[in-house]
C-alpha atoms as a PDB file:
ATOM      1  CA  MET A   1      21.133 328.500 164.473  1.00  0.00           C
ATOM      2  CA  ARG A   2      20.074 331.860 165.836  1.00  0.00           C
ATOM      3  CA  ARG A   3      18.805 331.908 169.417  1.00  0.00           C
ATOM      4  CA  ALA A   4      15.506 333.594 170.274  1.00  0.00           C
ATOM      5  CA  ASP A   5      17.236 336.262 172.407  1.00  0.00           C
ATOM      6  CA  GLN A   6      19.579 337.437 169.653  1.00  0.00           C
ATOM      7  CA  LEU A   7      18.751 340.744 168.035  1.00  0.00           C
ATOM      8  CA  SER A   8      18.231 341.347 164.350  1.00  0.00           C
ATOM      9  CA  LEU A   9      20.399 343.982 162.665  1.00  0.00           C
ATOM     10  CA  ASP A  10      17.420 346.374 162.544  1.00  0.00           C
ATOM     11  CA  GLU A  11      16.897 345.908 166.289  1.00  0.00           C
ATOM     12  CA  ILE A  12      20.590 346.598 166.914  1.00  0.00           C
ATOM     13  CA  ASP A  13      20.384 349.767 164.811  1.00  0.00           C
ATOM     14  CA  THR A  14      17.409 350.956 166.875  1.00  0.00           C
ATOM     15  CA  LEU A  15      19.132 350.161 170.181  1.00  0.00           C
ATOM     16  CA  TYR A  16      22.314 351.952 169.110  1.00  0.00           C
ATOM     17  CA  ARG A  17      20.352 355.083 168.202  1.00  0.00           C
ATOM     18  CA  SER A  18      18.423 354.913 171.478  1.00  0.00           C
ATOM     19  CA  VAL A  19      21.631 354.914 173.540  1.00  0.00           C
ATOM     20  CA  LEU A  20      23.962 357.161 171.527  1.00  0.00           C
ATOM     21  CA  ALA A  21      21.317 359.373 169.865  1.00  0.00           C
ATOM     22  CA  ARG A  22      22.774 358.958 166.386  1.00  0.00           C
ATOM     23  CA  PRO A  23      22.488 356.489 163.509  1.00  0.00           C
ATOM     24  CA  ILE A  24      24.802 353.524 163.491  1.00  0.00           C
ATOM     25  CA  ASP A  25      27.615 353.559 160.903  1.00  0.00           C
ATOM     26  CA  ALA A  26      28.933 350.620 158.875  1.00  0.00           C
ATOM     27  CA  GLN A  27      31.837 349.749 161.148  1.00  0.00           C
ATOM     28  CA  ALA A  28      29.823 349.984 164.357  1.00  0.00           C
ATOM     29  CA  ARG A  29      27.104 347.869 162.753  1.00  0.00           C
ATOM     30  CA  THR A  30      29.701 345.174 162.099  1.00  0.00           C
ATOM     31  CA  TYR A  31      31.094 345.349 165.638  1.00  0.00           C
ATOM     32  CA  TYR A  32      27.737 345.273 167.377  1.00  0.00           C
ATOM     33  CA  GLY A  33      25.763 343.238 164.861  1.00  0.00           C
ATOM     34  CA  ASP A  34      28.584 340.857 163.994  1.00  0.00           C
ATOM     35  CA  ARG A  35      27.365 339.894 160.549  1.00  0.00           C
ATOM     36  CA  ALA A  36      30.256 337.436 160.405  1.00  0.00           C
ATOM     37  CA  GLY A  37      28.784 335.309 163.186  1.00  0.00           C
ATOM     38  CA  SER A  38      25.827 335.230 165.519  1.00  0.00           C
ATOM     39  CA  PRO A  39      24.164 338.550 166.390  1.00  0.00           C
ATOM     40  CA  ALA A  40      24.415 339.547 170.035  1.00  0.00           C
ATOM     41  CA  THR A  41      21.717 339.734 172.667  1.00  0.00           C
ATOM     42  CA  ARG A  42      20.151 342.951 173.945  1.00  0.00           C
ATOM     43  CA  ARG A  43      22.093 342.716 177.213  1.00  0.00           C
ATOM     44  CA  GLU A  44      25.401 342.131 175.401  1.00  0.00           C
ATOM     45  CA  ILE A  45      24.831 345.109 173.094  1.00  0.00           C
ATOM     46  CA  LEU A  46      23.854 347.436 175.936  1.00  0.00           C
ATOM     47  CA  HIS A  47      26.817 346.393 178.082  1.00  0.00           C
ATOM     48  CA  ALA A  48      29.180 346.971 175.157  1.00  0.00           C
ATOM     49  CA  LEU A  49      27.659 350.383 174.473  1.00  0.00           C
ATOM     50  CA  ALA A  50      27.839 351.341 178.154  1.00  0.00           C
ATOM     51  CA  GLY A  51      31.562 350.571 178.180  1.00  0.00           C
ATOM     52  CA  SER A  52      32.310 352.403 174.944  1.00  0.00           C
ATOM     53  CA  PRO A  53      34.155 355.734 174.613  1.00  0.00           C
ATOM     54  CA  GLU A  54      31.181 357.056 172.606  1.00  0.00           C
ATOM     55  CA  PHE A  55      28.897 356.612 175.631  1.00  0.00           C
ATOM     56  CA  ALA A  56      31.480 358.149 177.963  1.00  0.00           C
ATOM     57  CA  ALA A  57      31.650 361.206 175.665  1.00  0.00           C
ATOM     58  CA  LEU A  58      27.894 361.872 175.827  1.00  0.00           C
ATOM     59  CA  PRO A  59      26.667 364.799 177.950  1.00  0.00           C
ATOM     60  CA  GLU A  60      25.634 363.705 181.446  1.00  0.00           C
ATOM     61  CA  ASP A  61      21.947 364.360 180.787  1.00  0.00           C
ATOM     62  CA  ALA A  62      22.069 362.076 177.733  1.00  0.00           C
ATOM     63  CA  ARG A  63      23.724 359.305 179.783  1.00  0.00           C
ATOM     64  CA  VAL A  64      21.117 359.693 182.538  1.00  0.00           C
ATOM     65  CA  ALA A  65      18.326 359.426 179.950  1.00  0.00           C
ATOM     66  CA  ALA A  66      19.900 356.317 178.416  1.00  0.00           C
ATOM     67  CA  ARG A  67      20.164 354.695 181.857  1.00  0.00           C
ATOM     68  CA  GLY A  68      16.494 355.423 182.431  1.00  0.00           C
ATOM     69  CA  ARG A  69      15.490 353.778 179.155  1.00  0.00           C
ATOM     70  CA  HIS A  70      17.818 350.804 179.574  1.00  0.00           C
ATOM     71  CA  PRO A  71      18.360 349.354 183.073  1.00  0.00           C
ATOM     72  CA  GLU A  72      21.093 347.120 181.625  1.00  0.00           C
ATOM     73  CA  ILE A  73      23.346 350.186 181.370  1.00  0.00           C
ATOM     74  CA  ALA A  74      23.029 350.945 185.080  1.00  0.00           C
ATOM     75  CA  GLU A  75      23.585 347.218 185.758  1.00  0.00           C
ATOM     76  CA  PHE A  76      26.816 347.331 183.794  1.00  0.00           C
ATOM     77  CA  GLU A  77      28.006 350.453 185.598  1.00  0.00           C
ATOM     78  CA  ARG A  78      27.276 348.873 188.994  1.00  0.00           C
ATOM     79  CA  HIS A  79      28.778 345.462 188.308  1.00  0.00           C
ATOM     80  CA  GLY A  80      30.811 345.702 185.137  1.00  0.00           C
ATOM     81  CA  ALA A  81      33.986 347.150 186.657  1.00  0.00           C
ATOM     82  CA  ILE A  82      35.885 345.701 183.712  1.00  0.00           C
ATOM     83  CA  HIS A  83      34.906 347.564 180.560  1.00  0.00           C
ATOM     84  CA  TRP A  84      35.766 344.891 178.021  1.00  0.00           C
ATOM     85  CA  PHE A  85      36.870 345.699 174.492  1.00  0.00           C
ATOM     86  CA  HIS A  86      37.588 342.072 173.553  1.00  0.00           C
ATOM     87  CA  SER A  87      34.939 339.443 174.112  1.00  0.00           C
ATOM     88  CA  MET A  88      36.335 336.295 175.724  1.00  0.00           C
ATOM     89  CA  GLU A  89      35.322 332.708 176.395  1.00  0.00           C
ATOM     90  CA  PHE A  90      36.767 330.555 179.166  1.00  0.00           C
ATOM     91  CA  PRO A  91      37.173 326.814 179.730  1.00  0.00           C
ATOM     92  CA  ASP A  92      34.459 326.813 182.396  1.00  0.00           C
ATOM     93  CA  GLY A  93      31.937 328.049 179.817  1.00  0.00           C
ATOM     94  CA  GLY A  94      31.959 331.649 181.014  1.00  0.00           C
ATOM     95  CA  ARG A  95      32.059 334.530 178.545  1.00  0.00           C
ATOM     96  CA  THR A  96      32.599 338.255 178.569  1.00  0.00           C
ATOM     97  CA  SER A  97      30.713 340.623 176.299  1.00  0.00           C
ATOM     98  CA  GLY A  98      33.092 343.213 174.888  1.00  0.00           C
ATOM     99  CA  ILE A  99      32.688 345.817 172.180  1.00  0.00           C
ATOM    100  CA  LYS A 100      34.173 343.399 169.626  1.00  0.00           C
ATOM    101  CA  PRO A 101      32.032 340.246 169.478  1.00  0.00           C
ATOM    102  CA  LEU A 102      33.695 336.887 169.874  1.00  0.00           C
ATOM    103  CA  ALA A 103      32.766 335.674 166.399  1.00  0.00           C
ATOM    104  CA  THR A 104      34.362 338.803 164.905  1.00  0.00           C
ATOM    105  CA  LEU A 105      37.591 338.243 166.838  1.00  0.00           C
ATOM    106  CA  LYS A 106      37.720 334.593 165.825  1.00  0.00           C
ATOM    107  CA  ARG A 107      37.388 335.422 162.142  1.00  0.00           C
ATOM    108  CA  GLU A 108      40.056 338.108 162.447  1.00  0.00           C
ATOM    109  CA  ALA A 109      42.303 335.559 164.150  1.00  0.00           C
ATOM    110  CA  GLU A 110      42.014 333.232 161.152  1.00  0.00           C
ATOM    111  CA  ALA A 111      43.558 335.977 159.001  1.00  0.00           C
ATOM    112  CA  ILE A 112      46.106 337.161 161.549  1.00  0.00           C
ATOM    113  CA  PHE A 113      47.380 333.650 162.364  1.00  0.00           C
ATOM    114  CA  ARG A 114      46.953 332.188 158.887  1.00  0.00           C
ATOM    115  CA  HIS A 115      50.658 331.241 158.763  1.00  0.00           C
ATOM    116  CA  GLY A 116      50.738 329.778 162.252  1.00  0.00           C
ATOM    117  CA  VAL A 117      52.645 330.565 165.421  1.00  0.00           C
ATOM    118  CA  GLY A 118      53.288 327.031 166.695  1.00  0.00           C
ATOM    119  CA  GLY A 119      56.645 326.872 168.481  1.00  0.00           C
ATOM    120  CA  LYS A 120      57.314 330.589 167.862  1.00  0.00           C
ATOM    121  CA  SER A 121      57.867 333.540 170.170  1.00  0.00           C
ATOM    122  CA  VAL A 122      55.201 336.236 169.840  1.00  0.00           C
ATOM    123  CA  LEU A 123      55.118 339.897 170.897  1.00  0.00           C
ATOM    124  CA  ASP A 124      51.641 341.457 171.027  1.00  0.00           C
ATOM    125  CA  ILE A 125      51.968 345.259 170.965  1.00  0.00           C
ATOM    126  CA  GLY A 126      48.846 347.033 172.186  1.00  0.00           C
ATOM    127  CA  ALA A 127      47.352 343.855 173.649  1.00  0.00           C
ATOM    128  CA  TRP A 128      44.512 345.543 175.646  1.00  0.00           C
ATOM    129  CA  ASP A 129      42.300 342.703 176.981  1.00  0.00           C
ATOM    130  CA  GLY A 130      44.660 340.205 175.367  1.00  0.00           C
ATOM    131  CA  PHE A 131      42.446 338.179 173.035  1.00  0.00           C
ATOM    132  CA  PHE A 132      45.173 337.809 170.389  1.00  0.00           C
ATOM    133  CA  SER A 133      47.891 337.107 172.982  1.00  0.00           C
ATOM    134  CA  PHE A 134      45.850 334.284 174.461  1.00  0.00           C
ATOM    135  CA  GLU A 135      44.907 333.065 170.994  1.00  0.00           C
ATOM    136  CA  ALA A 136      48.590 332.891 170.027  1.00  0.00           C
ATOM    137  CA  GLU A 137      49.222 330.840 173.158  1.00  0.00           C
ATOM    138  CA  ARG A 138      46.254 328.577 172.343  1.00  0.00           C
ATOM    139  CA  ARG A 139      47.690 328.035 168.869  1.00  0.00           C
ATOM    140  CA  GLY A 140      50.974 326.763 170.291  1.00  0.00           C
ATOM    141  CA  ALA A 141      53.277 329.775 170.567  1.00  0.00           C
ATOM    142  CA  SER A 142      56.314 328.910 172.687  1.00  0.00           C
ATOM    143  CA  ARG A 143      56.348 332.323 174.377  1.00  0.00           C
ATOM    144  CA  VAL A 144      53.970 335.288 174.319  1.00  0.00           C
ATOM    145  CA  LEU A 145      54.761 338.748 175.649  1.00  0.00           C
ATOM    146  CA  SER A 146      51.737 341.058 175.862  1.00  0.00           C
ATOM    147  CA  THR A 147      52.486 344.781 176.020  1.00  0.00           C
ATOM    148  CA  ASP A 148      50.374 347.900 176.322  1.00  0.00           C
ATOM    149  CA  TRP A 149      50.523 351.300 177.923  1.00  0.00           C
ATOM    150  CA  PHE A 150      47.810 353.485 176.425  1.00  0.00           C
ATOM    151  CA  CYS A 151      44.998 351.168 177.576  1.00  0.00           C
ATOM    152  CA  TRP A 152      46.664 349.720 180.692  1.00  0.00           C
ATOM    153  CA  GLY A 153      48.065 352.765 182.440  1.00  0.00           C
ATOM    154  CA  GLY A 154      47.904 355.630 179.971  1.00  0.00           C
ATOM    155  CA  PRO A 155      45.104 357.975 178.910  1.00  0.00           C
ATOM    156  CA  GLY A 156      42.981 355.350 177.136  1.00  0.00           C
ATOM    157  CA  TRP A 157      39.599 354.363 178.553  1.00  0.00           C
ATOM    158  CA  GLY A 158      40.646 350.737 179.050  1.00  0.00           C
ATOM    159  CA  THR A 159      42.572 349.172 181.925  1.00  0.00           C
ATOM    160  CA  LYS A 160      44.664 346.034 182.454  1.00  0.00           C
ATOM    161  CA  ALA A 161      41.901 344.513 184.605  1.00  0.00           C
ATOM    162  CA  GLY A 162      40.409 342.595 181.672  1.00  0.00           C
ATOM    163  CA  TYR A 163      43.769 341.131 180.669  1.00  0.00           C
ATOM    164  CA  ASP A 164      44.577 340.092 184.233  1.00  0.00           C
ATOM    165  CA  HIS A 165      41.108 338.574 184.702  1.00  0.00           C
ATOM    166  CA  ALA A 166      41.361 336.563 181.472  1.00  0.00           C
ATOM    167  CA  HIS A 167      44.937 335.530 182.288  1.00  0.00           C
ATOM    168  CA  ARG A 168      43.738 333.985 185.559  1.00  0.00           C
ATOM    169  CA  ARG A 169      40.642 332.342 184.065  1.00  0.00           C
ATOM    170  CA  LEU A 170      42.702 330.809 181.258  1.00  0.00           C
ATOM    171  CA  SER A 171      45.599 329.737 183.528  1.00  0.00           C
ATOM    172  CA  SER A 172      47.733 331.489 180.915  1.00  0.00           C
ATOM    173  CA  ARG A 173      51.524 331.494 180.746  1.00  0.00           C
ATOM    174  CA  CYS A 174      51.596 334.718 178.711  1.00  0.00           C
ATOM    175  CA  GLU A 175      53.967 337.333 180.086  1.00  0.00           C
ATOM    176  CA  SER A 176      52.925 340.975 180.301  1.00  0.00           C
ATOM    177  CA  LEU A 177      54.756 344.281 180.387  1.00  0.00           C
ATOM    178  CA  GLU A 178      53.228 347.738 180.725  1.00  0.00           C
ATOM    179  CA  VAL A 179      55.313 349.706 178.277  1.00  0.00           C
ATOM    180  CA  ASP A 180      54.683 352.189 175.489  1.00  0.00           C
ATOM    181  CA  LEU A 181      55.547 351.148 171.950  1.00  0.00           C
ATOM    182  CA  PHE A 182      58.524 353.507 171.935  1.00  0.00           C
ATOM    183  CA  GLY A 183      59.710 352.052 175.241  1.00  0.00           C
ATOM    184  CA  LEU A 184      60.316 348.659 173.639  1.00  0.00           C
ATOM    185  CA  ASN A 185      63.940 347.907 172.883  1.00  0.00           C
ATOM    186  CA  PRO A 186      65.495 344.852 171.189  1.00  0.00           C
ATOM    187  CA  GLN A 187      68.527 345.045 173.480  1.00  0.00           C
ATOM    188  CA  ALA A 188      66.405 345.129 176.634  1.00  0.00           C
ATOM    189  CA  HIS A 189      63.479 342.939 175.584  1.00  0.00           C
ATOM    190  CA  GLY A 190      64.921 340.785 172.822  1.00  0.00           C
ATOM    191  CA  THR A 191      63.426 340.167 169.380  1.00  0.00           C
ATOM    192  CA  PHE A 192      60.587 337.822 168.469  1.00  0.00           C
ATOM    193  CA  ASP A 193      59.663 335.432 165.684  1.00  0.00           C
ATOM    194  CA  VAL A 194      56.292 337.148 165.257  1.00  0.00           C
ATOM    195  CA  VAL A 195      55.249 340.684 166.189  1.00  0.00           C
ATOM    196  CA  LEU A 196      51.521 341.470 166.307  1.00  0.00           C
ATOM    197  CA  PHE A 197      50.849 345.149 165.603  1.00  0.00           C
ATOM    198  CA  LEU A 198      47.067 345.090 165.567  1.00  0.00           C
ATOM    199  CA  GLY A 199      44.840 348.168 165.657  1.00  0.00           C
ATOM    200  CA  VAL A 200      47.726 350.443 166.636  1.00  0.00           C
ATOM    201  CA  LEU A 201      49.187 352.071 163.525  1.00  0.00           C
ATOM    202  CA  TYR A 202      46.335 354.474 162.766  1.00  0.00           C
ATOM    203  CA  HIS A 203      46.369 355.726 166.373  1.00  0.00           C
ATOM    204  CA  LEU A 204      49.971 356.989 166.060  1.00  0.00           C
ATOM    205  CA  LYS A 205      50.907 360.599 165.359  1.00  0.00           C
ATOM    206  CA  ASP A 206      54.172 359.220 163.948  1.00  0.00           C
ATOM    207  CA  PRO A 207      53.036 356.139 162.018  1.00  0.00           C
ATOM    208  CA  LEU A 208      56.312 355.650 160.133  1.00  0.00           C
ATOM    209  CA  GLY A 209      58.395 355.903 163.278  1.00  0.00           C
ATOM    210  CA  GLY A 210      56.001 353.631 165.149  1.00  0.00           C
ATOM    211  CA  LEU A 211      56.004 350.977 162.450  1.00  0.00           C
ATOM    212  CA  GLU A 212      59.803 351.055 162.274  1.00  0.00           C
ATOM    213  CA  TRP A 213      59.963 350.653 166.059  1.00  0.00           C
ATOM    214  CA  ALA A 214      57.605 347.677 166.020  1.00  0.00           C
ATOM    215  CA  ALA A 215      59.473 346.154 163.077  1.00  0.00           C
ATOM    216  CA  ALA A 216      62.767 346.314 164.982  1.00  0.00           C
ATOM    217  CA  MET A 217      61.286 343.877 167.527  1.00  0.00           C
ATOM    218  CA  SER A 218      60.816 341.159 164.878  1.00  0.00           C
ATOM    219  CA  HIS A 219      63.575 339.017 163.409  1.00  0.00           C
ATOM    220  CA  ASP A 220      61.196 337.136 161.128  1.00  0.00           C
ATOM    221  CA  ARG A 221      57.558 338.197 160.709  1.00  0.00           C
ATOM    222  CA  ILE A 222      55.257 341.118 161.542  1.00  0.00           C
ATOM    223  CA  VAL A 223      51.475 341.222 161.272  1.00  0.00           C
ATOM    224  CA  VAL A 224      49.934 344.688 160.896  1.00  0.00           C
ATOM    225  CA  GLU A 225      46.176 345.234 161.146  1.00  0.00           C
ATOM    226  CA  THR A 226      44.949 348.782 160.660  1.00  0.00           C
ATOM    227  CA  ALA A 227      42.355 351.108 159.257  1.00  0.00           C
ATOM    228  CA  THR A 228      43.305 351.925 155.672  1.00  0.00           C
ATOM    229  CA  SER A 229      42.277 354.480 153.085  1.00  0.00           C
ATOM    230  CA  LEU A 230      43.033 355.563 149.495  1.00  0.00           C
ATOM    231  CA  ASN A 231      43.407 351.925 148.468  1.00  0.00           C
ATOM    232  CA  ARG A 232      42.429 352.655 144.881  1.00  0.00           C
ATOM    233  CA  GLN A 233      45.605 354.673 144.526  1.00  0.00           C
ATOM    234  CA  LYS A 234      48.606 352.624 143.428  1.00  0.00           C
ATOM    235  CA  ALA A 235      51.190 355.009 144.864  1.00  0.00           C
ATOM    236  CA  PRO A 236      51.970 354.828 148.611  1.00  0.00           C
ATOM    237  CA  ALA A 237      49.729 357.356 150.353  1.00  0.00           C
ATOM    238  CA  MET A 238      48.329 358.136 153.776  1.00  0.00           C
ATOM    239  CA  ARG A 239      45.239 360.076 154.761  1.00  0.00           C
ATOM    240  CA  PHE A 240      45.229 362.419 157.742  1.00  0.00           C
ATOM    241  CA  LEU A 241      42.091 361.934 159.834  1.00  0.00           C
ATOM    242  CA  PRO A 242      40.880 365.216 161.350  1.00  0.00           C
ATOM    243  CA  SER A 243      39.879 364.852 164.988  1.00  0.00           C
ATOM    244  CA  GLY A 244      36.846 362.622 165.412  1.00  0.00           C
ATOM    245  CA  SER A 245      36.356 362.002 161.682  1.00  0.00           C
ATOM    246  CA  LEU A 246      36.778 358.221 161.999  1.00  0.00           C
ATOM    247  CA  ASN A 247      34.283 356.620 164.407  1.00  0.00           C
ATOM    248  CA  GLY A 248      34.178 359.793 166.479  1.00  0.00           C
ATOM    249  CA  ASP A 249      37.532 358.845 168.037  1.00  0.00           C
ATOM    250  CA  PRO A 250      40.025 361.748 168.438  1.00  0.00           C
ATOM    251  CA  THR A 251      42.913 359.261 168.796  1.00  0.00           C
ATOM    252  CA  ASN A 252      42.647 358.160 165.137  1.00  0.00           C
ATOM    253  CA  PHE A 253      45.258 360.130 163.182  1.00  0.00           C
ATOM    254  CA  PHE A 254      46.352 358.482 159.912  1.00  0.00           C
ATOM    255  CA  ALA A 255      44.962 355.807 157.577  1.00  0.00           C
ATOM    256  CA  PRO A 256      47.588 354.560 155.086  1.00  0.00           C
ATOM    257  CA  ASN A 257      46.834 352.596 151.965  1.00  0.00           C
ATOM    258  CA  VAL A 258      48.160 349.064 151.630  1.00  0.00           C
ATOM    259  CA  ALA A 259      50.849 350.229 149.206  1.00  0.00           C
ATOM    260  CA  CYS A 260      52.109 352.634 151.866  1.00  0.00           C
ATOM    261  CA  ILE A 261      52.214 349.939 154.572  1.00  0.00           C
ATOM    262  CA  VAL A 262      54.177 347.626 152.263  1.00  0.00           C
ATOM    263  CA  ALA A 263      56.584 350.423 151.281  1.00  0.00           C
ATOM    264  CA  MET A 264      57.231 351.355 154.926  1.00  0.00           C
ATOM    265  CA  LEU A 265      57.812 347.715 155.856  1.00  0.00           C
ATOM    266  CA  ARG A 266      60.147 347.238 152.906  1.00  0.00           C
ATOM    267  CA  ASP A 267      62.203 350.194 154.102  1.00  0.00           C
ATOM    268  CA  ALA A 268      62.221 348.580 157.554  1.00  0.00           C
ATOM    269  CA  GLY A 269      63.935 345.499 156.117  1.00  0.00           C
ATOM    270  CA  PHE A 270      61.105 343.146 155.169  1.00  0.00           C
ATOM    271  CA  ALA A 271      61.247 341.375 151.816  1.00  0.00           C
ATOM    272  CA  ARG A 272      58.026 339.410 151.328  1.00  0.00           C
ATOM    273  CA  PHE A 273      54.461 340.599 151.836  1.00  0.00           C
ATOM    274  CA  GLU A 274      50.889 339.416 151.912  1.00  0.00           C
ATOM    275  CA  ALA A 275      47.894 341.739 152.240  1.00  0.00           C
ATOM    276  CA  LEU A 276      44.246 340.883 152.742  1.00  0.00           C
ATOM    277  CA  ARG A 277      41.170 342.798 153.763  1.00  0.00           C
ATOM    278  CA  ASN A 278      40.086 342.308 157.347  1.00  0.00           C
ATOM    279  CA  PRO A 279      37.472 339.577 156.817  1.00  0.00           C
ATOM    280  CA  VAL A 280      34.780 341.141 159.006  1.00  0.00           C
ATOM    281  CA  ILE A 281      35.097 344.856 158.174  1.00  0.00           C
ATOM    282  CA  PRO A 282      33.201 346.133 155.110  1.00  0.00           C
ATOM    283  CA  MET A 283      34.350 348.991 152.925  1.00  0.00           C
ATOM    284  CA  LEU A 284      33.725 352.027 155.102  1.00  0.00           C
ATOM    285  CA  ARG A 285      31.506 354.906 154.129  1.00  0.00           C
ATOM    286  CA  GLY A 286      31.074 358.223 155.852  1.00  0.00           C
ATOM    287  CA  ALA A 287      33.271 361.000 157.126  1.00  0.00           C
ATOM    288  CA  VAL A 288      36.542 359.797 155.618  1.00  0.00           C
ATOM    289  CA  ALA A 289      35.171 358.482 152.310  1.00  0.00           C
ATOM    290  CA  ASP A 290      35.771 360.476 149.155  1.00  0.00           C
ATOM    291  CA  LEU A 291      35.650 359.981 145.391  1.00  0.00           C
ATOM    292  CA  ARG A 292      38.855 357.934 145.472  1.00  0.00           C
ATOM    293  CA  GLY A 293      37.336 355.681 148.120  1.00  0.00           C
ATOM    294  CA  GLY A 294      39.147 352.584 149.254  1.00  0.00           C
ATOM    295  CA  ASN A 295      38.470 353.022 152.984  1.00  0.00           C
ATOM    296  CA  SER A 296      38.575 349.737 154.865  1.00  0.00           C
ATOM    297  CA  ARG A 297      40.739 347.719 157.264  1.00  0.00           C
ATOM    298  CA  HIS A 298      43.513 345.403 156.152  1.00  0.00           C
ATOM    299  CA  VAL A 299      45.916 342.825 157.498  1.00  0.00           C
ATOM    300  CA  VAL A 300      49.443 343.022 156.086  1.00  0.00           C
ATOM    301  CA  ILE A 301      51.872 340.203 156.869  1.00  0.00           C
ATOM    302  CA  ALA A 302      55.567 340.682 156.135  1.00  0.00           C
ATOM    303  CA  TRP A 303      58.654 338.483 156.397  1.00  0.00           C
ATOM    304  CA  ARG A 304      62.352 339.390 156.607  1.00  0.00           C
END
């Protein structure tokens, strides 16, 4: 049942426009409105917006004006030293309010872990705040290694503070390693039963090389979640995303279609595949849509 303090989708649209001075798009509406679960509160939405790269990219006068209209933004900047991307919940009942709502993450997890990780070793590449690492542990993984560089120590707007905070609150046994994707090495780090490659592929300037590198870390299964495009084309294809054309993010470079992901994984030595649309992301419309359409996000699971 919806609580009285939860916003309607129209109210979220209005709040988004008030802070970022532009209309909300389909993907942002899903993130902030969370149509898959319970809509967020005003405070949760404003804290997520204040910690977003879109807010950081606004001119200073626009940020000052937004702070004046919404005291919650200044509150976040004073006290929200951790700019959460993943929302989290802890055994003591505490929660964090990240850009991705908790209900969204939980529904994504049902797709990502649909074949289980009980008793298996898991490598989470690009872990960020670590929701999927900790979820793998919760679901019985025997070992979890969380890795990141871009968001932990590189040029990304995130830090490792969220991961470390959640690790302590959860009394987690997950291991962590600050390392770039291309710094991973099977000889140095071993291989894993399951490799999670979630939300990384479309950020790579060399998506084929990156996918091959991630695949080399798995001796059984890999789970790829990514923005996709051109899915109405049967032939393997990949769309180049001009700077800022997807969600205003200049670090989005390529959106492959599902056929392309499967073909690349087959060349990397995988033999069996399963693909499904990300359950909480609608077909995207906007800057990267064209007559061939098929823009969305997908989860592709592959086995050796």
